[in-house]
C-alpha atoms as a PDB file:
ATOM      1  CA  UNK A   1      98.897  19.954 203.631  1.00  0.00           C
ATOM      2  CA  UNK A   2     100.127  23.465 204.166  1.00  0.00           C
ATOM      3  CA  UNK A   3     103.441  22.688 202.468  1.00  0.00           C
ATOM      4  CA  UNK A   4     101.680  21.183 199.473  1.00  0.00           C
ATOM      5  CA  UNK A   5      99.414  24.152 199.158  1.00  0.00           C
ATOM      6  CA  UNK A   6     102.445  26.419 199.044  1.00  0.00           C
ATOM      7  CA  UNK A   7     104.419  24.366 196.389  1.00  0.00           C
ATOM      8  CA  UNK A   8     101.633  24.052 193.813  1.00  0.00           C
ATOM      9  CA  UNK A   9     100.990  27.805 193.444  1.00  0.00           C
ATOM     10  CA  UNK A  10     104.743  28.351 193.147  1.00  0.00           C
ATOM     11  CA  UNK A  11     105.040  25.832 190.291  1.00  0.00           C
ATOM     12  CA  UNK A  12     102.059  27.428 188.555  1.00  0.00           C
ATOM     13  CA  UNK A  13     103.611  30.874 188.867  1.00  0.00           C
ATOM     14  CA  UNK A  14     106.943  29.615 187.492  1.00  0.00           C
ATOM     15  CA  UNK A  15     105.185  28.027 184.521  1.00  0.00           C
ATOM     16  CA  UNK A  16     103.346  31.253 183.825  1.00  0.00           C
ATOM     17  CA  UNK A  17     106.612  33.179 183.947  1.00  0.00           C
ATOM     18  CA  UNK A  18     108.267  30.795 181.491  1.00  0.00           C
ATOM     19  CA  UNK A  19     105.312  31.096 179.123  1.00  0.00           C
ATOM     20  CA  UNK A  20     105.532  34.884 179.200  1.00  0.00           C
ATOM     21  CA  UNK A  21     109.285  34.817 178.459  1.00  0.00           C
ATOM     22  CA  UNK A  22     108.813  32.400 175.516  1.00  0.00           C
ATOM     23  CA  UNK A  23     106.010  34.546 174.086  1.00  0.00           C
ATOM     24  CA  UNK A  24     108.145  37.696 174.290  1.00  0.00           C
ATOM     25  CA  UNK A  25     111.068  35.999 172.567  1.00  0.00           C
ATOM     26  CA  UNK A  26     108.792  34.649 169.835  1.00  0.00           C
ATOM     27  CA  UNK A  27     107.538  38.152 169.073  1.00  0.00           C
ATOM     28  CA  UNK A  28     111.072  39.469 168.559  1.00  0.00           C
ATOM     29  CA  UNK A  29     112.035  39.616 164.876  1.00  0.00           C
ATOM     30  CA  UNK A  30     115.239  37.868 163.815  1.00  0.00           C
ATOM     31  CA  UNK A  31     117.482  40.330 161.990  1.00  0.00           C
ATOM     32  CA  UNK A  32     117.996  39.303 158.341  1.00  0.00           C
ATOM     33  CA  UNK A  33     121.294  37.652 157.537  1.00  0.00           C
ATOM     34  CA  UNK A  34     123.779  39.921 155.844  1.00  0.00           C
ATOM     35  CA  UNK A  35     124.980  38.798 152.408  1.00  0.00           C
ATOM     36  CA  UNK A  36     128.517  37.499 152.179  1.00  0.00           C
ATOM     37  CA  UNK A  37     129.224  39.968 149.397  1.00  0.00           C
ATOM     38  CA  UNK A  38     127.257  42.989 148.283  1.00  0.00           C
ATOM     39  CA  UNK A  39     125.674  42.648 144.822  1.00  0.00           C
ATOM     40  CA  UNK A  40     127.282  44.464 141.943  1.00  0.00           C
ATOM     41  CA  UNK A  41     126.023  47.917 141.016  1.00  0.00           C
ATOM     42  CA  UNK A  42     125.757  49.153 137.457  1.00  0.00           C
ATOM     43  CA  UNK A  43     127.759  52.288 136.665  1.00  0.00           C
ATOM     44  CA  UNK A  44     125.161  53.353 134.071  1.00  0.00           C
ATOM     45  CA  UNK A  45     121.690  54.808 134.471  1.00  0.00           C
ATOM     46  CA  UNK A  46     120.256  52.680 131.661  1.00  0.00           C
ATOM     47  CA  UNK A  47     121.868  49.359 130.982  1.00  0.00           C
ATOM     48  CA  UNK A  48     121.609  45.690 130.059  1.00  0.00           C
ATOM     49  CA  UNK A  49     122.866  43.178 132.576  1.00  0.00           C
ATOM     50  CA  UNK A  50     124.337  39.838 131.612  1.00  0.00           C
ATOM     51  CA  UNK A  51     126.452  37.012 132.937  1.00  0.00           C
ATOM     52  CA  UNK A  52     129.921  36.863 131.465  1.00  0.00           C
ATOM     53  CA  UNK A  53     132.369  33.976 131.286  1.00  0.00           C
ATOM     54  CA  UNK A  54     136.095  34.639 130.963  1.00  0.00           C
ATOM     55  CA  UNK A  55     137.950  32.823 128.190  1.00  0.00           C
ATOM     56  CA  UNK A  56     141.236  33.102 126.330  1.00  0.00           C
ATOM     57  CA  UNK A  57     141.483  35.583 123.485  1.00  0.00           C
ATOM     58  CA  UNK A  58     142.281  32.669 121.161  1.00  0.00           C
ATOM     59  CA  UNK A  59     139.292  30.766 122.586  1.00  0.00           C
ATOM     60  CA  UNK A  60     139.971  27.858 124.916  1.00  0.00           C
ATOM     61  CA  UNK A  61     141.743  25.356 122.644  1.00  0.00           C
ATOM     62  CA  UNK A  62     141.029  21.730 123.525  1.00  0.00           C
ATOM     63  CA  UNK A  63     144.081  19.788 122.389  1.00  0.00           C
ATOM     64  CA  UNK A  64     143.508  16.181 121.318  1.00  0.00           C
ATOM     65  CA  UNK A  65     145.275  13.543 119.279  1.00  0.00           C
ATOM     66  CA  UNK A  66     144.430  12.027 115.935  1.00  0.00           C
ATOM     67  CA  UNK A  67     146.155   8.736 116.830  1.00  0.00           C
ATOM     68  CA  UNK A  68     145.226   6.884 120.006  1.00  0.00           C
ATOM     69  CA  UNK A  69     147.864   5.235 122.159  1.00  0.00           C
ATOM     70  CA  UNK A  70     149.739   5.081 125.444  1.00  0.00           C
ATOM     71  CA  UNK A  71     151.228   8.405 126.509  1.00  0.00           C
ATOM     72  CA  UNK A  72     154.994   8.116 126.827  1.00  0.00           C
ATOM     73  CA  UNK A  73     156.034  11.653 127.777  1.00  0.00           C
ATOM     74  CA  UNK A  74     154.274  14.860 128.845  1.00  0.00           C
ATOM     75  CA  UNK A  75     156.458  17.884 128.120  1.00  0.00           C
ATOM     76  CA  UNK A  76     154.432  20.705 129.705  1.00  0.00           C
ATOM     77  CA  UNK A  77     152.918  21.696 133.038  1.00  0.00           C
ATOM     78  CA  UNK A  78     149.900  23.792 133.956  1.00  0.00           C
ATOM     79  CA  UNK A  79     150.666  27.501 133.703  1.00  0.00           C
ATOM     80  CA  UNK A  80     153.646  26.998 131.414  1.00  0.00           C
ATOM     81  CA  UNK A  81     153.941  29.367 128.437  1.00  0.00           C
ATOM     82  CA  UNK A  82     154.613  27.610 125.141  1.00  0.00           C
ATOM     83  CA  UNK A  83     155.484  28.671 121.624  1.00  0.00           C
ATOM     84  CA  UNK A  84     153.711  27.483 118.495  1.00  0.00           C
ATOM     85  CA  UNK A  85     155.127  24.110 117.475  1.00  0.00           C
ATOM     86  CA  UNK A  86     156.436  23.239 120.936  1.00  0.00           C
ATOM     87  CA  UNK A  87     155.762  19.578 121.920  1.00  0.00           C
ATOM     88  CA  UNK A  88     152.990  19.063 124.462  1.00  0.00           C
ATOM     89  CA  UNK A  89     152.976  15.275 124.864  1.00  0.00           C
ATOM     90  CA  UNK A  90     154.264  12.226 123.034  1.00  0.00           C
ATOM     91  CA  UNK A  91     152.530   8.895 122.416  1.00  0.00           C
ATOM     92  CA  UNK A  92     154.458   5.627 122.349  1.00  0.00           C
ATOM     93  CA  UNK A  93     155.772   5.148 118.781  1.00  0.00           C
ATOM     94  CA  UNK A  94     157.671   1.844 119.060  1.00  0.00           C
ATOM     95  CA  UNK A  95     155.277   0.022 116.763  1.00  0.00           C
ATOM     96  CA  UNK A  96     155.646   2.595 114.000  1.00  0.00           C
ATOM     97  CA  UNK A  97     159.415   2.775 114.506  1.00  0.00           C
ATOM     98  CA  UNK A  98     159.618  -0.990 113.956  1.00  0.00           C
ATOM     99  CA  UNK A  99     157.461  -0.712 110.854  1.00  0.00           C
ATOM    100  CA  UNK A 100     159.713   2.095 109.604  1.00  0.00           C
ATOM    101  CA  UNK A 101     162.767  -0.194 109.703  1.00  0.00           C
ATOM    102  CA  UNK A 102     160.982  -2.720 107.522  1.00  0.00           C
ATOM    103  CA  UNK A 103     159.889  -0.048 105.050  1.00  0.00           C
ATOM    104  CA  UNK A 104     163.384   1.422 104.865  1.00  0.00           C
ATOM    105  CA  UNK A 105     164.621  -2.065 103.949  1.00  0.00           C
ATOM    106  CA  UNK A 106     161.916  -2.296 101.304  1.00  0.00           C
ATOM    107  CA  UNK A 107     163.241   0.913  99.750  1.00  0.00           C
ATOM    108  CA  UNK A 108     166.739  -0.586  99.484  1.00  0.00           C
ATOM    109  CA  UNK A 109     165.250  -3.734  97.998  1.00  0.00           C
ATOM    110  CA  UNK A 110     163.277  -1.708  95.449  1.00  0.00           C
ATOM    111  CA  UNK A 111     166.364   0.291  94.452  1.00  0.00           C
ATOM    112  CA  UNK A 112     168.316  -2.947  93.986  1.00  0.00           C
ATOM    113  CA  UNK A 113     165.498  -4.224  91.772  1.00  0.00           C
ATOM    114  CA  UNK A 114     165.897  -1.082  89.633  1.00  0.00           C
ATOM    115  CA  UNK A 115     169.581  -1.797  89.108  1.00  0.00           C
ATOM    116  CA  UNK A 116     168.769  -5.404  88.221  1.00  0.00           C
ATOM    117  CA  UNK A 117     166.097  -4.301  85.759  1.00  0.00           C
ATOM    118  CA  UNK A 118     168.495  -1.772  84.219  1.00  0.00           C
ATOM    119  CA  UNK A 119     171.137  -4.471  83.692  1.00  0.00           C
ATOM    120  CA  UNK A 120     168.541  -6.771  82.128  1.00  0.00           C
ATOM    121  CA  UNK A 121     167.473  -3.980  79.778  1.00  0.00           C
ATOM    122  CA  UNK A 122     171.062  -3.329  78.694  1.00  0.00           C
ATOM    123  CA  UNK A 123     171.525  -7.005  77.968  1.00  0.00           C
ATOM    124  CA  UNK A 124     168.279  -7.161  75.964  1.00  0.00           C
ATOM    125  CA  UNK A 125     169.271  -4.091  73.982  1.00  0.00           C
ATOM    126  CA  UNK A 126     172.659  -5.507  73.111  1.00  0.00           C
ATOM    127  CA  UNK A 127     171.082  -8.805  72.050  1.00  0.00           C
ATOM    128  CA  UNK A 128     168.555  -7.033  69.851  1.00  0.00           C
ATOM    129  CA  UNK A 129     171.213  -4.733  68.399  1.00  0.00           C
ATOM    130  CA  UNK A 130     173.328  -7.764  67.551  1.00  0.00           C
ATOM    131  CA  UNK A 131     170.669  -9.370  65.360  1.00  0.00           C
ATOM    132  CA  UNK A 132     169.246  -6.160  63.966  1.00  0.00           C
ATOM    133  CA  UNK A 133     172.639  -4.999  62.673  1.00  0.00           C
ATOM    134  CA  UNK A 134     173.457  -8.244  60.864  1.00  0.00           C
ATOM    135  CA  UNK A 135     174.461  -7.603  57.257  1.00  0.00           C
ATOM    136  CA  UNK A 136     172.915 -10.765  55.897  1.00  0.00           C
ATOM    137  CA  UNK A 137     169.243 -11.067  56.865  1.00  0.00           C
ATOM    138  CA  UNK A 138     169.358 -14.757  56.073  1.00  0.00           C
ATOM    139  CA  UNK A 139     171.795 -15.346  58.993  1.00  0.00           C
ATOM    140  CA  UNK A 140     169.081 -14.605  61.573  1.00  0.00           C
ATOM    141  CA  UNK A 141     165.504 -15.719  61.481  1.00  0.00           C
ATOM    142  CA  UNK A 142     162.695 -13.202  61.639  1.00  0.00           C
ATOM    143  CA  UNK A 143     161.297 -15.000  64.672  1.00  0.00           C
ATOM    144  CA  UNK A 144     164.566 -14.587  66.578  1.00  0.00           C
ATOM    145  CA  UNK A 145     164.700 -10.875  65.760  1.00  0.00           C
ATOM    146  CA  UNK A 146     161.149 -10.411  66.958  1.00  0.00           C
ATOM    147  CA  UNK A 147     161.788 -12.312  70.181  1.00  0.00           C
ATOM    148  CA  UNK A 148     164.841 -10.209  71.000  1.00  0.00           C
ATOM    149  CA  UNK A 149     162.932  -7.022  70.235  1.00  0.00           C
ATOM    150  CA  UNK A 150     160.112  -8.103  72.545  1.00  0.00           C
ATOM    151  CA  UNK A 151     162.655  -9.033  75.215  1.00  0.00           C
ATOM    152  CA  UNK A 152     164.023  -5.483  75.067  1.00  0.00           C
ATOM    153  CA  UNK A 153     160.531  -3.990  75.396  1.00  0.00           C
ATOM    154  CA  UNK A 154     159.761  -6.319  78.313  1.00  0.00           C
ATOM    155  CA  UNK A 155     162.989  -5.366  80.094  1.00  0.00           C
ATOM    156  CA  UNK A 156     162.203  -1.696  79.589  1.00  0.00           C
ATOM    157  CA  UNK A 157     158.736  -2.164  81.126  1.00  0.00           C
ATOM    158  CA  UNK A 158     160.227  -4.042  84.081  1.00  0.00           C
ATOM    159  CA  UNK A 159     162.648  -1.166  84.657  1.00  0.00           C
ATOM    160  CA  UNK A 160     159.771   1.331  84.744  1.00  0.00           C
ATOM    161  CA  UNK A 161     157.892  -0.954  87.118  1.00  0.00           C
ATOM    162  CA  UNK A 162     160.938  -1.166  89.406  1.00  0.00           C
ATOM    163  CA  UNK A 163     161.279   2.617  89.406  1.00  0.00           C
ATOM    164  CA  UNK A 164     157.592   2.943  90.316  1.00  0.00           C
ATOM    165  CA  UNK A 165     158.129   0.478  93.162  1.00  0.00           C
ATOM    166  CA  UNK A 166     160.895   2.730  94.515  1.00  0.00           C
ATOM    167  CA  UNK A 167     158.557   5.718  94.430  1.00  0.00           C
ATOM    168  CA  UNK A 168     155.846   3.721  96.224  1.00  0.00           C
ATOM    169  CA  UNK A 169     158.329   2.533  98.846  1.00  0.00           C
ATOM    170  CA  UNK A 170     159.549   6.079  99.445  1.00  0.00           C
ATOM    171  CA  UNK A 171     155.940   7.256  99.830  1.00  0.00           C
ATOM    172  CA  UNK A 172     155.275   4.441 102.292  1.00  0.00           C
ATOM    173  CA  UNK A 173     158.293   5.505 104.348  1.00  0.00           C
ATOM    174  CA  UNK A 174     157.157   9.137 104.320  1.00  0.00           C
ATOM    175  CA  UNK A 175     153.684   8.073 105.425  1.00  0.00           C
ATOM    176  CA  UNK A 176     155.117   6.154 108.373  1.00  0.00           C
ATOM    177  CA  UNK A 177     157.394   9.045 109.308  1.00  0.00           C
ATOM    178  CA  UNK A 178     154.356  11.352 109.212  1.00  0.00           C
ATOM    179  CA  UNK A 179     152.522   8.958 111.526  1.00  0.00           C
ATOM    180  CA  UNK A 180     155.466   9.021 113.937  1.00  0.00           C
ATOM    181  CA  UNK A 181     155.509  12.822 113.822  1.00  0.00           C
ATOM    182  CA  UNK A 182     151.765  12.925 114.549  1.00  0.00           C
ATOM    183  CA  UNK A 183     152.372  10.973 117.752  1.00  0.00           C
ATOM    184  CA  UNK A 184     154.067  14.093 119.108  1.00  0.00           C
ATOM    185  CA  UNK A 185     151.241  16.578 119.717  1.00  0.00           C
ATOM    186  CA  UNK A 186     152.428  20.179 119.410  1.00  0.00           C
ATOM    187  CA  UNK A 187     151.070  23.582 120.394  1.00  0.00           C
ATOM    188  CA  UNK A 188     149.088  25.203 117.549  1.00  0.00           C
ATOM    189  CA  UNK A 189     149.740  28.774 118.734  1.00  0.00           C
ATOM    190  CA  UNK A 190     151.738  30.809 121.222  1.00  0.00           C
ATOM    191  CA  UNK A 191     149.914  30.606 124.523  1.00  0.00           C
ATOM    192  CA  UNK A 192     149.728  29.214 128.032  1.00  0.00           C
ATOM    193  CA  UNK A 193     148.812  25.743 129.233  1.00  0.00           C
ATOM    194  CA  UNK A 194     145.635  25.897 131.337  1.00  0.00           C
ATOM    195  CA  UNK A 195     144.962  22.199 131.923  1.00  0.00           C
ATOM    196  CA  UNK A 196     146.887  18.930 131.599  1.00  0.00           C
ATOM    197  CA  UNK A 197     144.574  15.936 131.933  1.00  0.00           C
ATOM    198  CA  UNK A 198     146.928  13.199 130.759  1.00  0.00           C
ATOM    199  CA  UNK A 199     149.836  11.429 132.455  1.00  0.00           C
ATOM    200  CA  UNK A 200     152.582   9.090 131.206  1.00  0.00           C
ATOM    201  CA  UNK A 201     151.248   5.565 131.009  1.00  0.00           C
ATOM    202  CA  UNK A 202     147.632   6.601 130.459  1.00  0.00           C
ATOM    203  CA  UNK A 203     145.763   5.811 127.252  1.00  0.00           C
ATOM    204  CA  UNK A 204     145.029   8.848 125.118  1.00  0.00           C
ATOM    205  CA  UNK A 205     141.844   8.473 123.130  1.00  0.00           C
ATOM    206  CA  UNK A 206     141.475  10.020 119.703  1.00  0.00           C
ATOM    207  CA  UNK A 207     138.570  12.214 118.631  1.00  0.00           C
ATOM    208  CA  UNK A 208     136.439  14.756 120.486  1.00  0.00           C
ATOM    209  CA  UNK A 209     136.524  14.276 124.263  1.00  0.00           C
ATOM    210  CA  UNK A 210     134.394  15.843 126.999  1.00  0.00           C
ATOM    211  CA  UNK A 211     137.595  16.444 128.975  1.00  0.00           C
ATOM    212  CA  UNK A 212     140.443  17.634 126.748  1.00  0.00           C
ATOM    213  CA  UNK A 213     143.852  16.010 127.060  1.00  0.00           C
ATOM    214  CA  UNK A 214     145.431  19.477 127.212  1.00  0.00           C
ATOM    215  CA  UNK A 215     143.752  22.892 127.248  1.00  0.00           C
ATOM    216  CA  UNK A 216     145.644  25.991 126.244  1.00  0.00           C
ATOM    217  CA  UNK A 217     145.053  29.485 124.929  1.00  0.00           C
ATOM    218  CA  UNK A 218     146.491  32.948 124.520  1.00  0.00           C
ATOM    219  CA  UNK A 219     146.049  34.784 127.826  1.00  0.00           C
ATOM    220  CA  UNK A 220     147.819  38.027 126.967  1.00  0.00           C
ATOM    221  CA  UNK A 221     144.316  39.457 126.568  1.00  0.00           C
ATOM    222  CA  UNK A 222     141.258  37.992 128.276  1.00  0.00           C
ATOM    223  CA  UNK A 223     137.855  37.812 126.626  1.00  0.00           C
ATOM    224  CA  UNK A 224     134.478  37.927 128.367  1.00  0.00           C
ATOM    225  CA  UNK A 225     131.643  36.113 126.602  1.00  0.00           C
ATOM    226  CA  UNK A 226     128.436  37.855 127.698  1.00  0.00           C
ATOM    227  CA  UNK A 227     125.009  36.258 127.366  1.00  0.00           C
ATOM    228  CA  UNK A 228     122.314  38.848 126.625  1.00  0.00           C
ATOM    229  CA  UNK A 229     118.741  37.621 126.947  1.00  0.00           C
ATOM    230  CA  UNK A 230     116.882  37.643 123.640  1.00  0.00           C
ATOM    231  CA  UNK A 231     114.269  39.957 125.175  1.00  0.00           C
ATOM    232  CA  UNK A 232     116.992  42.591 125.645  1.00  0.00           C
ATOM    233  CA  UNK A 233     118.898  41.912 122.427  1.00  0.00           C
ATOM    234  CA  UNK A 234     117.102  44.699 120.544  1.00  0.00           C
ATOM    235  CA  UNK A 235     118.400  47.217 123.088  1.00  0.00           C
ATOM    236  CA  UNK A 236     122.030  46.246 122.577  1.00  0.00           C
ATOM    237  CA  UNK A 237     124.193  48.605 120.528  1.00  0.00           C
ATOM    238  CA  UNK A 238     127.769  47.679 119.593  1.00  0.00           C
ATOM    239  CA  UNK A 239     130.587  49.986 120.689  1.00  0.00           C
ATOM    240  CA  UNK A 240     128.623  51.257 123.700  1.00  0.00           C
ATOM    241  CA  UNK A 241     130.501  51.385 127.032  1.00  0.00           C
ATOM    242  CA  UNK A 242     130.491  48.220 129.111  1.00  0.00           C
ATOM    243  CA  UNK A 243     131.865  47.361 132.544  1.00  0.00           C
ATOM    244  CA  UNK A 244     132.522  44.091 134.343  1.00  0.00           C
ATOM    245  CA  UNK A 245     132.572  43.357 138.065  1.00  0.00           C
ATOM    246  CA  UNK A 246     134.161  40.406 139.792  1.00  0.00           C
ATOM    247  CA  UNK A 247     131.732  38.185 141.629  1.00  0.00           C
ATOM    248  CA  UNK A 248     132.375  38.239 145.343  1.00  0.00           C
ATOM    249  CA  UNK A 249     133.894  41.730 145.358  1.00  0.00           C
ATOM    250  CA  UNK A 250     132.023  44.496 143.585  1.00  0.00           C
ATOM    251  CA  UNK A 251     134.937  46.872 144.128  1.00  0.00           C
ATOM    252  CA  UNK A 252     137.002  44.878 141.607  1.00  0.00           C
ATOM    253  CA  UNK A 253     135.744  46.150 138.269  1.00  0.00           C
ATOM    254  CA  UNK A 254     137.051  47.314 134.936  1.00  0.00           C
ATOM    255  CA  UNK A 255     135.829  48.807 131.693  1.00  0.00           C
ATOM    256  CA  UNK A 256     135.587  46.466 128.729  1.00  0.00           C
ATOM    257  CA  UNK A 257     136.535  46.853 125.072  1.00  0.00           C
ATOM    258  CA  UNK A 258     134.095  45.628 122.441  1.00  0.00           C
ATOM    259  CA  UNK A 259     135.411  42.784 120.265  1.00  0.00           C
ATOM    260  CA  UNK A 260     132.559  41.315 118.247  1.00  0.00           C
ATOM    261  CA  UNK A 261     129.017  39.986 118.263  1.00  0.00           C
ATOM    262  CA  UNK A 262     128.280  36.338 117.580  1.00  0.00           C
ATOM    263  CA  UNK A 263     125.529  36.759 114.968  1.00  0.00           C
ATOM    264  CA  UNK A 264     123.753  33.503 115.825  1.00  0.00           C
ATOM    265  CA  UNK A 265     121.383  33.613 118.811  1.00  0.00           C
ATOM    266  CA  UNK A 266     121.953  30.365 120.686  1.00  0.00           C
ATOM    267  CA  UNK A 267     120.004  28.474 123.357  1.00  0.00           C
ATOM    268  CA  UNK A 268     121.148  29.574 126.773  1.00  0.00           C
ATOM    269  CA  UNK A 269     123.542  27.123 128.352  1.00  0.00           C
ATOM    270  CA  UNK A 270     124.100  26.790 132.064  1.00  0.00           C
ATOM    271  CA  UNK A 271     127.548  27.922 133.156  1.00  0.00           C
ATOM    272  CA  UNK A 272     128.270  24.690 135.023  1.00  0.00           C
ATOM    273  CA  UNK A 273     130.238  23.204 132.164  1.00  0.00           C
ATOM    274  CA  UNK A 274     127.733  20.441 131.345  1.00  0.00           C
ATOM    275  CA  UNK A 275     126.777  20.485 127.687  1.00  0.00           C
ATOM    276  CA  UNK A 276     123.271  19.112 128.344  1.00  0.00           C
ATOM    277  CA  UNK A 277     122.087  21.720 130.841  1.00  0.00           C
ATOM    278  CA  UNK A 278     119.882  24.255 129.062  1.00  0.00           C
ATOM    279  CA  UNK A 279     116.884  26.431 129.807  1.00  0.00           C
ATOM    280  CA  UNK A 280     113.998  27.615 127.668  1.00  0.00           C
ATOM    281  CA  UNK A 281     115.486  30.862 126.458  1.00  0.00           C
ATOM    282  CA  UNK A 282     117.962  32.055 123.870  1.00  0.00           C
ATOM    283  CA  UNK A 283     120.793  34.505 124.238  1.00  0.00           C
ATOM    284  CA  UNK A 284     122.867  36.804 122.075  1.00  0.00           C
ATOM    285  CA  UNK A 285     126.566  36.306 122.766  1.00  0.00           C
ATOM    286  CA  UNK A 286     128.818  39.372 122.748  1.00  0.00           C
ATOM    287  CA  UNK A 287     132.569  39.304 123.300  1.00  0.00           C
ATOM    288  CA  UNK A 288     134.472  41.990 125.181  1.00  0.00           C
ATOM    289  CA  UNK A 289     138.115  42.128 126.221  1.00  0.00           C
ATOM    290  CA  UNK A 290     140.236  43.512 129.047  1.00  0.00           C
ATOM    291  CA  UNK A 291     143.902  43.411 129.983  1.00  0.00           C
ATOM    292  CA  UNK A 292     144.995  40.464 132.060  1.00  0.00           C
ATOM    293  CA  UNK A 293     146.622  42.696 134.653  1.00  0.00           C
ATOM    294  CA  UNK A 294     143.457  44.783 135.141  1.00  0.00           C
ATOM    295  CA  UNK A 295     141.841  42.269 137.501  1.00  0.00           C
ATOM    296  CA  UNK A 296     142.848  39.114 139.410  1.00  0.00           C
ATOM    297  CA  UNK A 297     140.688  37.096 137.036  1.00  0.00           C
ATOM    298  CA  UNK A 298     141.041  33.575 135.690  1.00  0.00           C
ATOM    299  CA  UNK A 299     139.739  31.746 132.657  1.00  0.00           C
ATOM    300  CA  UNK A 300     136.414  30.070 133.384  1.00  0.00           C
ATOM    301  CA  UNK A 301     135.436  32.614 136.051  1.00  0.00           C
ATOM    302  CA  UNK A 302     132.051  34.349 135.920  1.00  0.00           C
ATOM    303  CA  UNK A 303     131.586  38.121 135.957  1.00  0.00           C
ATOM    304  CA  UNK A 304     128.665  40.505 136.187  1.00  0.00           C
ATOM    305  CA  UNK A 305     128.625  42.641 133.047  1.00  0.00           C
ATOM    306  CA  UNK A 306     126.685  45.868 132.494  1.00  0.00           C
ATOM    307  CA  UNK A 307     126.279  47.362 129.020  1.00  0.00           C
ATOM    308  CA  UNK A 308     125.054  50.925 128.686  1.00  0.00           C
ATOM    309  CA  UNK A 309     121.962  51.484 126.584  1.00  0.00           C
ATOM    310  CA  UNK A 310     120.145  54.651 125.474  1.00  0.00           C
ATOM    311  CA  UNK A 311     117.396  55.659 127.839  1.00  0.00           C
ATOM    312  CA  UNK A 312     113.943  54.749 126.616  1.00  0.00           C
ATOM    313  CA  UNK A 313     111.682  57.751 125.993  1.00  0.00           C
ATOM    314  CA  UNK A 314     108.718  58.230 128.311  1.00  0.00           C
ATOM    315  CA  UNK A 315     105.582  57.044 126.511  1.00  0.00           C
ATOM    316  CA  UNK A 316     103.158  59.876 125.617  1.00  0.00           C
ATOM    317  CA  UNK A 317      99.640  59.293 126.985  1.00  0.00           C
ATOM    318  CA  UNK A 318      96.822  60.887 124.957  1.00  0.00           C
ATOM    319  CA  UNK A 319      95.000  63.687 126.822  1.00  0.00           C
ATOM    320  CA  UNK A 320      91.617  61.949 126.565  1.00  0.00           C
ATOM    321  CA  UNK A 321      93.014  58.761 128.059  1.00  0.00           C
ATOM    322  CA  UNK A 322      94.686  60.711 130.872  1.00  0.00           C
ATOM    323  CA  UNK A 323      91.417  62.448 131.767  1.00  0.00           C
ATOM    324  CA  UNK A 324      89.580  59.156 131.711  1.00  0.00           C
ATOM    325  CA  UNK A 325      92.123  57.574 134.053  1.00  0.00           C
ATOM    326  CA  UNK A 326      91.927  60.598 136.392  1.00  0.00           C
ATOM    327  CA  UNK A 327      88.208  60.126 136.975  1.00  0.00           C
END
């Protein structure tokens, strides 16, 4: 009994000690977690802040094809500079090449028909000249003269028809050659390839696609498309200084050059790339530019942009109102 009486108070004391330690630890405040990167700071006293998205100075050009088919060859790689007119990719053209052989043969056939019609016309002319130049009209009947005259006119019409057939055949060949040329998609401008989303053997769809087959643009100068909330749009003044800061490192910043204002205020679109994600506000889009070597920036990257604005004057409070508020 003595041993039991000694153990129970010890356990109670230990429990009390544990409770005190837990209570002390619970009262201690957990230090707030430090941000991974410090938020950007505006270099202006009065400013408008907006989210900016980097794009090519030529806009991001989504290259597609007007003729669907199996891709045979891809000529470019991501990051490759290209000149205007340089081939980007080529779609299988064997079907059109086979059709071109048939149409080339049709041209030869049409030209042969012209020569045949010309020979027929010469024969009809000589036959008509033979009867029309007869000295004695009684030697040839009027009906025979009329028939030979009509035969000449008919041969002349057939010659014109054969010549028209040659023109139509040539146009058909040119149309097919144009179709073959269209199967080689070329760069519209000097620029740099930013995306290649097609491979040899894949089917290239025609029309507007959510994912472009090839994306390219001129990256000698980068543009920043800034969304200014419609509530702040009245404060914006073109040609005022603006600065951009890289997200993740506020020490990487540069001054921007004003390019233009998009005059249409558009619904704000989320910068996730999905065309259906929108919120209930509208924004004024302003474009600025900066040199590519000014920052380690890439097309599609977001930036924090600050645009200087004139300081708003302090509102004047009437003396009577001020006295009333002071009471």
